[in-house]
Amino acid sequence: MKITMVKKIYADGQPCKKCREVEEKMVAAGQMDSIDEILIADERDATSAGMQLAAKLGVDRAPFFVVEKPGEEPLVYTVYFKFVKEVLNQKTSEQDEIKEIMNDNPDLDFL
């Protein structure tokens, strides 16, 4: 299995805040050892490896993770806690997952 993490750099050259936060969580939890490759999606360069992969997979948010297993279609995770739970097999809280989804989708609301 190969796991690729894609982080974003905005057109103004600033790194993506959420990407930095997720990477800090991963370092603190010792999860970076599971990442085989880190690509940068640089908005200033449409040919950057991360931008090309995002376009190929139809992903429009960062960070995201691509999990590749031989003979299978790549799986894309745009929600960090879902990735941690399903791929790294580590426990996450439902509250953390909901918070991340809500932060990523401000147009959603609880019923």
PDB file of N, CA and C in Angstrom:
ATOM      1  N   MET A   1       0.846  -1.175   0.000  1.00  0.00           N
ATOM      2  CA  MET A   1       0.000   0.000   0.000  1.00  0.00           C
ATOM      3  C   MET A   1       0.892   1.238   0.000  1.00  0.00           C
ATOM      4  N   LYS A   2       0.484   2.221  -0.790  1.00  0.00           N
ATOM      5  CA  LYS A   2       1.196   3.498  -0.860  1.00  0.00           C
ATOM      6  C   LYS A   2       0.229   4.610  -0.468  1.00  0.00           C
ATOM      7  N   ILE A   3       0.687   5.486   0.434  1.00  0.00           N
ATOM      8  CA  ILE A   3      -0.136   6.609   0.874  1.00  0.00           C
ATOM      9  C   ILE A   3       0.562   7.903   0.495  1.00  0.00           C
ATOM     10  N   THR A   4      -0.167   8.741  -0.230  1.00  0.00           N
ATOM     11  CA  THR A   4       0.333  10.050  -0.646  1.00  0.00           C
ATOM     12  C   THR A   4      -0.505  11.127   0.033  1.00  0.00           C
ATOM     13  N   MET A   5       0.176  12.098   0.608  1.00  0.00           N
ATOM     14  CA  MET A   5      -0.492  13.267   1.192  1.00  0.00           C
ATOM     15  C   MET A   5      -0.253  14.443   0.261  1.00  0.00           C
ATOM     16  N   VAL A   6      -1.303  15.201  -0.013  1.00  0.00           N
ATOM     17  CA  VAL A   6      -1.172  16.382  -0.871  1.00  0.00           C
ATOM     18  C   VAL A   6      -1.511  17.616  -0.043  1.00  0.00           C
ATOM     19  N   LYS A   7      -0.545  18.536   0.016  1.00  0.00           N
ATOM     20  CA  LYS A   7      -0.710  19.806   0.724  1.00  0.00           C
ATOM     21  C   LYS A   7      -0.761  20.926  -0.306  1.00  0.00           C
ATOM     22  N   LYS A   8      -1.357  22.052   0.094  1.00  0.00           N
ATOM     23  CA  LYS A   8      -1.571  23.143  -0.847  1.00  0.00           C
ATOM     24  C   LYS A   8      -0.784  24.394  -0.475  1.00  0.00           C
ATOM     25  N   ILE A   9      -0.339  25.099  -1.503  1.00  0.00           N
ATOM     26  CA  ILE A   9       0.222  26.442  -1.356  1.00  0.00           C
ATOM     27  C   ILE A   9      -0.658  27.357  -2.199  1.00  0.00           C
ATOM     28  N   TYR A  10      -1.141  28.429  -1.566  1.00  0.00           N
ATOM     29  CA  TYR A  10      -2.036  29.358  -2.259  1.00  0.00           C
ATOM     30  C   TYR A  10      -1.285  30.223  -3.265  1.00  0.00           C
ATOM     31  N   ALA A  11      -2.046  30.891  -4.112  1.00  0.00           N
ATOM     32  CA  ALA A  11      -1.481  31.742  -5.165  1.00  0.00           C
ATOM     33  C   ALA A  11      -0.598  32.852  -4.602  1.00  0.00           C
ATOM     34  N   ASP A  12      -0.862  33.266  -3.361  1.00  0.00           N
ATOM     35  CA  ASP A  12      -0.039  34.315  -2.745  1.00  0.00           C
ATOM     36  C   ASP A  12       1.222  33.755  -2.089  1.00  0.00           C
ATOM     37  N   GLY A  13       1.451  32.440  -2.224  1.00  0.00           N
ATOM     38  CA  GLY A  13       2.647  31.808  -1.685  1.00  0.00           C
ATOM     39  C   GLY A  13       2.502  31.295  -0.257  1.00  0.00           C
ATOM     40  N   GLN A  14       1.356  31.552   0.356  1.00  0.00           N
ATOM     41  CA  GLN A  14       1.124  31.108   1.729  1.00  0.00           C
ATOM     42  C   GLN A  14       0.711  29.638   1.757  1.00  0.00           C
ATOM     43  N   PRO A  15       1.205  28.891   2.744  1.00  0.00           N
ATOM     44  CA  PRO A  15       0.771  27.496   2.877  1.00  0.00           C
ATOM     45  C   PRO A  15      -0.658  27.431   3.408  1.00  0.00           C
ATOM     46  N   CYS A  16      -1.339  26.402   3.050  1.00  0.00           N
ATOM     47  CA  CYS A  16      -2.703  26.147   3.496  1.00  0.00           C
ATOM     48  C   CYS A  16      -2.717  25.928   5.012  1.00  0.00           C
ATOM     49  N   LYS A  17      -3.550  26.698   5.711  1.00  0.00           N
ATOM     50  CA  LYS A  17      -3.625  26.613   7.174  1.00  0.00           C
ATOM     51  C   LYS A  17      -4.092  25.223   7.610  1.00  0.00           C
ATOM     52  N   LYS A  18      -5.125  24.709   6.983  1.00  0.00           N
ATOM     53  CA  LYS A  18      -5.647  23.396   7.359  1.00  0.00           C
ATOM     54  C   LYS A  18      -4.606  22.305   7.106  1.00  0.00           C
ATOM     55  N   CYS A  19      -3.849  22.430   6.020  1.00  0.00           N
ATOM     56  CA  CYS A  19      -2.793  21.454   5.727  1.00  0.00           C
ATOM     57  C   CYS A  19      -1.769  21.442   6.855  1.00  0.00           C
ATOM     58  N   ARG A  20      -1.397  22.622   7.304  1.00  0.00           N
ATOM     59  CA  ARG A  20      -0.419  22.739   8.391  1.00  0.00           C
ATOM     60  C   ARG A  20      -0.974  22.125   9.681  1.00  0.00           C
ATOM     61  N   GLU A  21      -2.250  22.410   9.976  1.00  0.00           N
ATOM     62  CA  GLU A  21      -2.874  21.874  11.180  1.00  0.00           C
ATOM     63  C   GLU A  21      -2.939  20.348  11.145  1.00  0.00           C
ATOM     64  N   VAL A  22      -3.323  19.804  10.004  1.00  0.00           N
ATOM     65  CA  VAL A  22      -3.407  18.343   9.868  1.00  0.00           C
ATOM     66  C   VAL A  22      -2.023  17.728  10.009  1.00  0.00           C
ATOM     67  N   GLU A  23      -1.032  18.321   9.370  1.00  0.00           N
ATOM     68  CA  GLU A  23       0.321  17.778   9.470  1.00  0.00           C
ATOM     69  C   GLU A  23       0.820  17.823  10.918  1.00  0.00           C
ATOM     70  N   GLU A  24       0.508  18.892  11.649  1.00  0.00           N
ATOM     71  CA  GLU A  24       0.902  18.983  13.055  1.00  0.00           C
ATOM     72  C   GLU A  24       0.242  17.876  13.877  1.00  0.00           C
ATOM     73  N   LYS A  25      -1.040  17.598  13.621  1.00  0.00           N
ATOM     74  CA  LYS A  25      -1.737  16.508  14.315  1.00  0.00           C
ATOM     75  C   LYS A  25      -1.076  15.171  14.002  1.00  0.00           C
ATOM     76  N   MET A  26      -0.713  14.987  12.737  1.00  0.00           N
ATOM     77  CA  MET A  26      -0.110  13.727  12.324  1.00  0.00           C
ATOM     78  C   MET A  26       1.262  13.534  12.964  1.00  0.00           C
ATOM     79  N   VAL A  27       2.053  14.597  13.032  1.00  0.00           N
ATOM     80  CA  VAL A  27       3.375  14.513  13.665  1.00  0.00           C
ATOM     81  C   VAL A  27       3.200  14.166  15.138  1.00  0.00           C
ATOM     82  N   ALA A  28       2.285  14.863  15.817  1.00  0.00           N
ATOM     83  CA  ALA A  28       2.057  14.630  17.248  1.00  0.00           C
ATOM     84  C   ALA A  28       1.586  13.199  17.527  1.00  0.00           C
ATOM     85  N   ALA A  29       0.822  12.637  16.600  1.00  0.00           N
ATOM     86  CA  ALA A  29       0.292  11.279  16.774  1.00  0.00           C
ATOM     87  C   ALA A  29       1.222  10.205  16.214  1.00  0.00           C
ATOM     88  N   GLY A  30       2.364  10.611  15.643  1.00  0.00           N
ATOM     89  CA  GLY A  30       3.293   9.638  15.074  1.00  0.00           C
ATOM     90  C   GLY A  30       2.789   8.997  13.790  1.00  0.00           C
ATOM     91  N   GLN A  31       1.935   9.688  13.063  1.00  0.00           N
ATOM     92  CA  GLN A  31       1.330   9.125  11.855  1.00  0.00           C
ATOM     93  C   GLN A  31       2.115   9.410  10.581  1.00  0.00           C
ATOM     94  N   MET A  32       3.057  10.329  10.635  1.00  0.00           N
ATOM     95  CA  MET A  32       3.794  10.686   9.413  1.00  0.00           C
ATOM     96  C   MET A  32       4.618   9.523   8.869  1.00  0.00           C
ATOM     97  N   ASP A  33       4.960   8.580   9.722  1.00  0.00           N
ATOM     98  CA  ASP A  33       5.711   7.401   9.263  1.00  0.00           C
ATOM     99  C   ASP A  33       4.902   6.569   8.273  1.00  0.00           C
ATOM    100  N   SER A  34       3.582   6.732   8.293  1.00  0.00           N
ATOM    101  CA  SER A  34       2.713   5.975   7.386  1.00  0.00           C
ATOM    102  C   SER A  34       2.613   6.610   6.005  1.00  0.00           C
ATOM    103  N   ILE A  35       3.073   7.853   5.877  1.00  0.00           N
ATOM    104  CA  ILE A  35       2.978   8.570   4.607  1.00  0.00           C
ATOM    105  C   ILE A  35       4.202   8.261   3.752  1.00  0.00           C
ATOM    106  N   ASP A  36       3.965   7.759   2.555  1.00  0.00           N
ATOM    107  CA  ASP A  36       5.060   7.387   1.656  1.00  0.00           C
ATOM    108  C   ASP A  36       5.551   8.555   0.819  1.00  0.00           C
ATOM    109  N   GLU A  37       4.639   9.490   0.522  1.00  0.00           N
ATOM    110  CA  GLU A  37       4.998  10.597  -0.361  1.00  0.00           C
ATOM    111  C   GLU A  37       4.162  11.818   0.001  1.00  0.00           C
ATOM    112  N   ILE A  38       4.790  12.985  -0.036  1.00  0.00           N
ATOM    113  CA  ILE A  38       4.081  14.247   0.163  1.00  0.00           C
ATOM    114  C   ILE A  38       4.254  15.067  -1.100  1.00  0.00           C
ATOM    115  N   LEU A  39       3.123  15.477  -1.672  1.00  0.00           N
ATOM    116  CA  LEU A  39       3.139  16.314  -2.873  1.00  0.00           C
ATOM    117  C   LEU A  39       2.584  17.686  -2.529  1.00  0.00           C
ATOM    118  N   ILE A  40       3.044  18.681  -3.255  1.00  0.00           N
ATOM    119  CA  ILE A  40       2.569  20.043  -3.076  1.00  0.00           C
ATOM    120  C   ILE A  40       1.690  20.430  -4.258  1.00  0.00           C
ATOM    121  N   ALA A  41       0.492  20.916  -3.928  1.00  0.00           N
ATOM    122  CA  ALA A  41      -0.413  21.474  -4.933  1.00  0.00           C
ATOM    123  C   ALA A  41      -0.231  22.985  -4.858  1.00  0.00           C
ATOM    124  N   ASP A  42       0.576  23.512  -5.752  1.00  0.00           N
ATOM    125  CA  ASP A  42       0.923  24.934  -5.747  1.00  0.00           C
ATOM    126  C   ASP A  42       0.039  25.665  -6.743  1.00  0.00           C
ATOM    127  N   GLU A  43      -0.845  26.531  -6.228  1.00  0.00           N
ATOM    128  CA  GLU A  43      -1.764  27.259  -7.103  1.00  0.00           C
ATOM    129  C   GLU A  43      -1.036  28.130  -8.125  1.00  0.00           C
ATOM    130  N   ARG A  44       0.226  28.450  -7.856  1.00  0.00           N
ATOM    131  CA  ARG A  44       0.996  29.283  -8.781  1.00  0.00           C
ATOM    132  C   ARG A  44       1.564  28.470  -9.936  1.00  0.00           C
ATOM    133  N   ASP A  45       1.437  27.136  -9.841  1.00  0.00           N
ATOM    134  CA  ASP A  45       2.018  26.254 -10.849  1.00  0.00           C
ATOM    135  C   ASP A  45       1.066  25.095 -11.129  1.00  0.00           C
ATOM    136  N   ALA A  46       0.279  25.231 -12.174  1.00  0.00           N
ATOM    137  CA  ALA A  46      -0.698  24.187 -12.522  1.00  0.00           C
ATOM    138  C   ALA A  46      -0.034  22.857 -12.847  1.00  0.00           C
ATOM    139  N   THR A  47       1.279  22.879 -13.123  1.00  0.00           N
ATOM    140  CA  THR A  47       1.980  21.639 -13.438  1.00  0.00           C
ATOM    141  C   THR A  47       2.623  21.005 -12.203  1.00  0.00           C
ATOM    142  N   SER A  48       2.442  21.615 -11.023  1.00  0.00           N
ATOM    143  CA  SER A  48       3.005  21.008  -9.815  1.00  0.00           C
ATOM    144  C   SER A  48       2.366  19.636  -9.615  1.00  0.00           C
ATOM    145  N   ALA A  49       3.120  18.726  -9.033  1.00  0.00           N
ATOM    146  CA  ALA A  49       2.661  17.339  -8.902  1.00  0.00           C
ATOM    147  C   ALA A  49       1.327  17.243  -8.169  1.00  0.00           C
ATOM    148  N   GLY A  50       1.163  18.031  -7.113  1.00  0.00           N
ATOM    149  CA  GLY A  50      -0.081  17.992  -6.354  1.00  0.00           C
ATOM    150  C   GLY A  50      -1.266  18.512  -7.141  1.00  0.00           C
ATOM    151  N   MET A  51      -1.058  19.576  -7.924  1.00  0.00           N
ATOM    152  CA  MET A  51      -2.144  20.120  -8.753  1.00  0.00           C
ATOM    153  C   MET A  51      -2.540  19.121  -9.833  1.00  0.00           C
ATOM    154  N   GLN A  52      -1.570  18.460 -10.418  1.00  0.00           N
ATOM    155  CA  GLN A  52      -1.871  17.472 -11.449  1.00  0.00           C
ATOM    156  C   GLN A  52      -2.644  16.293 -10.876  1.00  0.00           C
ATOM    157  N   LEU A  53      -2.224  15.821  -9.692  1.00  0.00           N
ATOM    158  CA  LEU A  53      -2.917  14.696  -9.079  1.00  0.00           C
ATOM    159  C   LEU A  53      -4.335  15.097  -8.684  1.00  0.00           C
ATOM    160  N   ALA A  54      -4.500  16.290  -8.130  1.00  0.00           N
ATOM    161  CA  ALA A  54      -5.838  16.773  -7.757  1.00  0.00           C
ATOM    162  C   ALA A  54      -6.746  16.835  -8.985  1.00  0.00           C
ATOM    163  N   ALA A  55      -6.226  17.358 -10.091  1.00  0.00           N
ATOM    164  CA  ALA A  55      -7.016  17.443 -11.317  1.00  0.00           C
ATOM    165  C   ALA A  55      -7.379  16.047 -11.833  1.00  0.00           C
ATOM    166  N   LYS A  56      -6.418  15.159 -11.818  1.00  0.00           N
ATOM    167  CA  LYS A  56      -6.650  13.790 -12.300  1.00  0.00           C
ATOM    168  C   LYS A  56      -7.737  13.086 -11.488  1.00  0.00           C
ATOM    169  N   LEU A  57      -7.729  13.323 -10.167  1.00  0.00           N
ATOM    170  CA  LEU A  57      -8.673  12.641  -9.286  1.00  0.00           C
ATOM    171  C   LEU A  57      -9.940  13.450  -9.018  1.00  0.00           C
ATOM    172  N   GLY A  58      -9.984  14.692  -9.527  1.00  0.00           N
ATOM    173  CA  GLY A  58     -11.162  15.530  -9.321  1.00  0.00           C
ATOM    174  C   GLY A  58     -11.317  16.030  -7.892  1.00  0.00           C
ATOM    175  N   VAL A  59     -10.214  16.273  -7.223  1.00  0.00           N
ATOM    176  CA  VAL A  59     -10.242  16.734  -5.836  1.00  0.00           C
ATOM    177  C   VAL A  59     -10.073  18.245  -5.816  1.00  0.00           C
ATOM    178  N   ASP A  60     -10.903  18.921  -5.008  1.00  0.00           N
ATOM    179  CA  ASP A  60     -10.835  20.377  -4.968  1.00  0.00           C
ATOM    180  C   ASP A  60     -10.578  20.940  -3.572  1.00  0.00           C
ATOM    181  N   ARG A  61     -10.083  20.113  -2.658  1.00  0.00           N
ATOM    182  CA  ARG A  61      -9.754  20.605  -1.322  1.00  0.00           C
ATOM    183  C   ARG A  61      -8.474  19.962  -0.818  1.00  0.00           C
ATOM    184  N   ALA A  62      -7.861  20.623   0.117  1.00  0.00           N
ATOM    185  CA  ALA A  62      -6.605  20.124   0.667  1.00  0.00           C
ATOM    186  C   ALA A  62      -6.631  20.281   2.177  1.00  0.00           C
ATOM    187  N   PRO A  63      -5.886  19.460   2.871  1.00  0.00           N
ATOM    188  CA  PRO A  63      -5.081  18.385   2.326  1.00  0.00           C
ATOM    189  C   PRO A  63      -5.962  17.204   1.933  1.00  0.00           C
ATOM    190  N   PHE A  64      -5.393  16.344   1.121  1.00  0.00           N
ATOM    191  CA  PHE A  64      -6.076  15.091   0.836  1.00  0.00           C
ATOM    192  C   PHE A  64      -5.058  13.974   0.784  1.00  0.00           C
ATOM    193  N   PHE A  65      -5.567  12.770   0.923  1.00  0.00           N
ATOM    194  CA  PHE A  65      -4.726  11.573   0.971  1.00  0.00           C
ATOM    195  C   PHE A  65      -5.181  10.612  -0.114  1.00  0.00           C
ATOM    196  N   VAL A  66      -4.217  10.004  -0.778  1.00  0.00           N
ATOM    197  CA  VAL A  66      -4.508   9.006  -1.804  1.00  0.00           C
ATOM    198  C   VAL A  66      -3.896   7.687  -1.332  1.00  0.00           C
ATOM    199  N   VAL A  67      -4.745   6.677  -1.253  1.00  0.00           N
ATOM    200  CA  VAL A  67      -4.309   5.358  -0.807  1.00  0.00           C
ATOM    201  C   VAL A  67      -4.368   4.425  -2.010  1.00  0.00           C
ATOM    202  N   GLU A  68      -3.206   3.884  -2.358  1.00  0.00           N
ATOM    203  CA  GLU A  68      -3.118   3.000  -3.520  1.00  0.00           C
ATOM    204  C   GLU A  68      -2.730   1.592  -3.071  1.00  0.00           C
ATOM    205  N   LYS A  69      -3.542   0.639  -3.510  1.00  0.00           N
ATOM    206  CA  LYS A  69      -3.257  -0.774  -3.259  1.00  0.00           C
ATOM    207  C   LYS A  69      -3.145  -1.452  -4.614  1.00  0.00           C
ATOM    208  N   PRO A  70      -2.195  -2.357  -4.771  1.00  0.00           N
ATOM    209  CA  PRO A  70      -2.016  -3.030  -6.057  1.00  0.00           C
ATOM    210  C   PRO A  70      -3.315  -3.669  -6.553  1.00  0.00           C
ATOM    211  N   GLY A  71      -3.625  -3.406  -7.811  1.00  0.00           N
ATOM    212  CA  GLY A  71      -4.802  -4.004  -8.435  1.00  0.00           C
ATOM    213  C   GLY A  71      -6.117  -3.339  -8.083  1.00  0.00           C
ATOM    214  N   GLU A  72      -6.081  -2.248  -7.312  1.00  0.00           N
ATOM    215  CA  GLU A  72      -7.313  -1.569  -6.919  1.00  0.00           C
ATOM    216  C   GLU A  72      -7.265  -0.107  -7.345  1.00  0.00           C
ATOM    217  N   GLU A  73      -8.432   0.487  -7.496  1.00  0.00           N
ATOM    218  CA  GLU A  73      -8.523   1.915  -7.787  1.00  0.00           C
ATOM    219  C   GLU A  73      -8.045   2.692  -6.557  1.00  0.00           C
ATOM    220  N   PRO A  74      -7.378   3.809  -6.772  1.00  0.00           N
ATOM    221  CA  PRO A  74      -6.941   4.614  -5.623  1.00  0.00           C
ATOM    222  C   PRO A  74      -8.149   5.131  -4.829  1.00  0.00           C
ATOM    223  N   LEU A  75      -7.996   5.172  -3.522  1.00  0.00           N
ATOM    224  CA  LEU A  75      -9.011   5.746  -2.649  1.00  0.00           C
ATOM    225  C   LEU A  75      -8.556   7.138  -2.246  1.00  0.00           C
ATOM    226  N   VAL A  76      -9.461   8.096  -2.288  1.00  0.00           N
ATOM    227  CA  VAL A  76      -9.143   9.481  -1.946  1.00  0.00           C
ATOM    228  C   VAL A  76      -9.873   9.850  -0.658  1.00  0.00           C
ATOM    229  N   TYR A  77      -9.140  10.437   0.269  1.00  0.00           N
ATOM    230  CA  TYR A  77      -9.706  10.900   1.531  1.00  0.00           C
ATOM    231  C   TYR A  77      -9.463  12.390   1.654  1.00  0.00           C
ATOM    232  N   THR A  78     -10.540  13.153   1.804  1.00  0.00           N
ATOM    233  CA  THR A  78     -10.417  14.597   2.021  1.00  0.00           C
ATOM    234  C   THR A  78     -10.729  14.959   3.467  1.00  0.00           C
ATOM    235  N   VAL A  79     -11.170  13.980   4.246  1.00  0.00           N
ATOM    236  CA  VAL A  79     -11.444  14.187   5.669  1.00  0.00           C
ATOM    237  C   VAL A  79     -10.389  13.436   6.463  1.00  0.00           C
ATOM    238  N   TYR A  80      -9.545  14.192   7.154  1.00  0.00           N
ATOM    239  CA  TYR A  80      -8.416  13.627   7.902  1.00  0.00           C
ATOM    240  C   TYR A  80      -8.857  12.537   8.869  1.00  0.00           C
ATOM    241  N   PHE A  81      -9.892  12.789   9.687  1.00  0.00           N
ATOM    242  CA  PHE A  81     -10.285  11.819  10.705  1.00  0.00           C
ATOM    243  C   PHE A  81     -10.821  10.526  10.082  1.00  0.00           C
ATOM    244  N   LYS A  82     -11.482  10.628   8.956  1.00  0.00           N
ATOM    245  CA  LYS A  82     -11.946   9.418   8.258  1.00  0.00           C
ATOM    246  C   LYS A  82     -10.743   8.622   7.753  1.00  0.00           C
ATOM    247  N   PHE A  83      -9.746   9.317   7.227  1.00  0.00           N
ATOM    248  CA  PHE A  83      -8.509   8.675   6.781  1.00  0.00           C
ATOM    249  C   PHE A  83      -7.828   7.953   7.946  1.00  0.00           C
ATOM    250  N   VAL A  84      -7.726   8.624   9.079  1.00  0.00           N
ATOM    251  CA  VAL A  84      -7.081   8.038  10.261  1.00  0.00           C
ATOM    252  C   VAL A  84      -7.815   6.782  10.699  1.00  0.00           C
ATOM    253  N   LYS A  85      -9.127   6.851  10.715  1.00  0.00           N
ATOM    254  CA  LYS A  85      -9.934   5.727  11.186  1.00  0.00           C
ATOM    255  C   LYS A  85      -9.907   4.554  10.208  1.00  0.00           C
ATOM    256  N   GLU A  86     -10.101   4.843   8.922  1.00  0.00           N
ATOM    257  CA  GLU A  86     -10.250   3.768   7.938  1.00  0.00           C
ATOM    258  C   GLU A  86      -8.934   3.219   7.406  1.00  0.00           C
ATOM    259  N   VAL A  87      -7.913   4.059   7.324  1.00  0.00           N
ATOM    260  CA  VAL A  87      -6.654   3.607   6.724  1.00  0.00           C
ATOM    261  C   VAL A  87      -5.598   3.306   7.783  1.00  0.00           C
ATOM    262  N   LEU A  88      -5.449   4.211   8.732  1.00  0.00           N
ATOM    263  CA  LEU A  88      -4.431   4.011   9.764  1.00  0.00           C
ATOM    264  C   LEU A  88      -4.948   3.170  10.923  1.00  0.00           C
ATOM    265  N   ASN A  89      -6.251   2.864  10.889  1.00  0.00           N
ATOM    266  CA  ASN A  89      -6.892   2.024  11.910  1.00  0.00           C
ATOM    267  C   ASN A  89      -6.675   2.547  13.322  1.00  0.00           C
ATOM    268  N   GLN A  90      -6.796   3.865  13.464  1.00  0.00           N
ATOM    269  CA  GLN A  90      -6.671   4.483  14.775  1.00  0.00           C
ATOM    270  C   GLN A  90      -8.006   5.086  15.158  1.00  0.00           C
ATOM    271  N   LYS A  91      -8.242   5.159  16.451  1.00  0.00           N
ATOM    272  CA  LYS A  91      -9.516   5.679  16.938  1.00  0.00           C
ATOM    273  C   LYS A  91      -9.597   7.186  16.759  1.00  0.00           C
ATOM    274  N   THR A  92     -10.789   7.624  16.412  1.00  0.00           N
ATOM    275  CA  THR A  92     -11.098   9.051  16.338  1.00  0.00           C
ATOM    276  C   THR A  92     -12.451   9.239  17.003  1.00  0.00           C
ATOM    277  N   SER A  93     -12.745  10.450  17.392  1.00  0.00           N
ATOM    278  CA  SER A  93     -14.056  10.691  17.987  1.00  0.00           C
ATOM    279  C   SER A  93     -15.015  11.153  16.894  1.00  0.00           C
ATOM    280  N   GLU A  94     -16.252  10.763  17.045  1.00  0.00           N
ATOM    281  CA  GLU A  94     -17.271  11.181  16.087  1.00  0.00           C
ATOM    282  C   GLU A  94     -17.391  12.704  16.085  1.00  0.00           C
ATOM    283  N   GLN A  95     -17.219  13.304  17.254  1.00  0.00           N
ATOM    284  CA  GLN A  95     -17.306  14.761  17.365  1.00  0.00           C
ATOM    285  C   GLN A  95     -16.210  15.438  16.530  1.00  0.00           C
ATOM    286  N   ASP A  96     -14.979  14.892  16.556  1.00  0.00           N
ATOM    287  CA  ASP A  96     -13.897  15.457  15.742  1.00  0.00           C
ATOM    288  C   ASP A  96     -14.205  15.330  14.260  1.00  0.00           C
ATOM    289  N   GLU A  97     -14.747  14.181  13.858  1.00  0.00           N
ATOM    290  CA  GLU A  97     -15.086  13.972  12.451  1.00  0.00           C
ATOM    291  C   GLU A  97     -16.151  14.969  12.001  1.00  0.00           C
ATOM    292  N   ILE A  98     -17.194  15.137  12.812  1.00  0.00           N
ATOM    293  CA  ILE A  98     -18.275  16.058  12.468  1.00  0.00           C
ATOM    294  C   ILE A  98     -17.752  17.485  12.402  1.00  0.00           C
ATOM    295  N   LYS A  99     -16.906  17.855  13.363  1.00  0.00           N
ATOM    296  CA  LYS A  99     -16.341  19.214  13.379  1.00  0.00           C
ATOM    297  C   LYS A  99     -15.555  19.482  12.096  1.00  0.00           C
ATOM    298  N   GLU A 100     -14.740  18.515  11.662  1.00  0.00           N
ATOM    299  CA  GLU A 100     -13.960  18.708  10.444  1.00  0.00           C
ATOM    300  C   GLU A 100     -14.866  18.822   9.223  1.00  0.00           C
ATOM    301  N   ILE A 101     -15.873  17.986   9.148  1.00  0.00           N
ATOM    302  CA  ILE A 101     -16.802  18.035   8.011  1.00  0.00           C
ATOM    303  C   ILE A 101     -17.529  19.375   7.991  1.00  0.00           C
ATOM    304  N   MET A 102     -17.974  19.840   9.148  1.00  0.00           N
ATOM    305  CA  MET A 102     -18.684  21.121   9.219  1.00  0.00           C
ATOM    306  C   MET A 102     -17.765  22.279   8.845  1.00  0.00           C
ATOM    307  N   ASN A 103     -16.512  22.244   9.288  1.00  0.00           N
ATOM    308  CA  ASN A 103     -15.561  23.297   8.952  1.00  0.00           C
ATOM    309  C   ASN A 103     -15.281  23.327   7.447  1.00  0.00           C
ATOM    310  N   ASP A 104     -15.266  22.153   6.837  1.00  0.00           N
ATOM    311  CA  ASP A 104     -14.980  22.057   5.397  1.00  0.00           C
ATOM    312  C   ASP A 104     -16.187  22.399   4.534  1.00  0.00           C
ATOM    313  N   ASN A 105     -17.364  22.368   5.142  1.00  0.00           N
ATOM    314  CA  ASN A 105     -18.611  22.585   4.400  1.00  0.00           C
ATOM    315  C   ASN A 105     -19.502  23.575   5.144  1.00  0.00           C
ATOM    316  N   PRO A 106     -19.164  24.847   5.129  1.00  0.00           N
ATOM    317  CA  PRO A 106     -19.925  25.834   5.897  1.00  0.00           C
ATOM    318  C   PRO A 106     -21.384  25.961   5.476  1.00  0.00           C
ATOM    319  N   ASP A 107     -21.738  25.418   4.316  1.00  0.00           N
ATOM    320  CA  ASP A 107     -23.114  25.487   3.856  1.00  0.00           C
ATOM    321  C   ASP A 107     -23.987  24.433   4.525  1.00  0.00           C
ATOM    322  N   LEU A 108     -23.367  23.482   5.251  1.00  0.00           N
ATOM    323  CA  LEU A 108     -24.126  22.441   5.957  1.00  0.00           C
ATOM    324  C   LEU A 108     -24.534  22.946   7.330  1.00  0.00           C
ATOM    325  N   ASP A 109     -25.573  22.333   7.890  1.00  0.00           N
ATOM    326  CA  ASP A 109     -25.990  22.666   9.228  1.00  0.00           C
ATOM    327  C   ASP A 109     -26.622  21.425   9.840  1.00  0.00           C
ATOM    328  N   PHE A 110     -26.550  21.326  11.149  1.00  0.00           N
ATOM    329  CA  PHE A 110     -27.188  20.209  11.842  1.00  0.00           C
ATOM    330  C   PHE A 110     -28.697  20.404  11.861  1.00  0.00           C
ATOM    331  N   LEU A 111     -29.429  19.310  11.873  1.00  0.00           N
ATOM    332  CA  LEU A 111     -30.890  19.368  12.011  1.00  0.00           C
ATOM    333  C   LEU A 111     -31.248  19.210  13.462  1.00  0.00           C
TER     334      LEU A 111
END
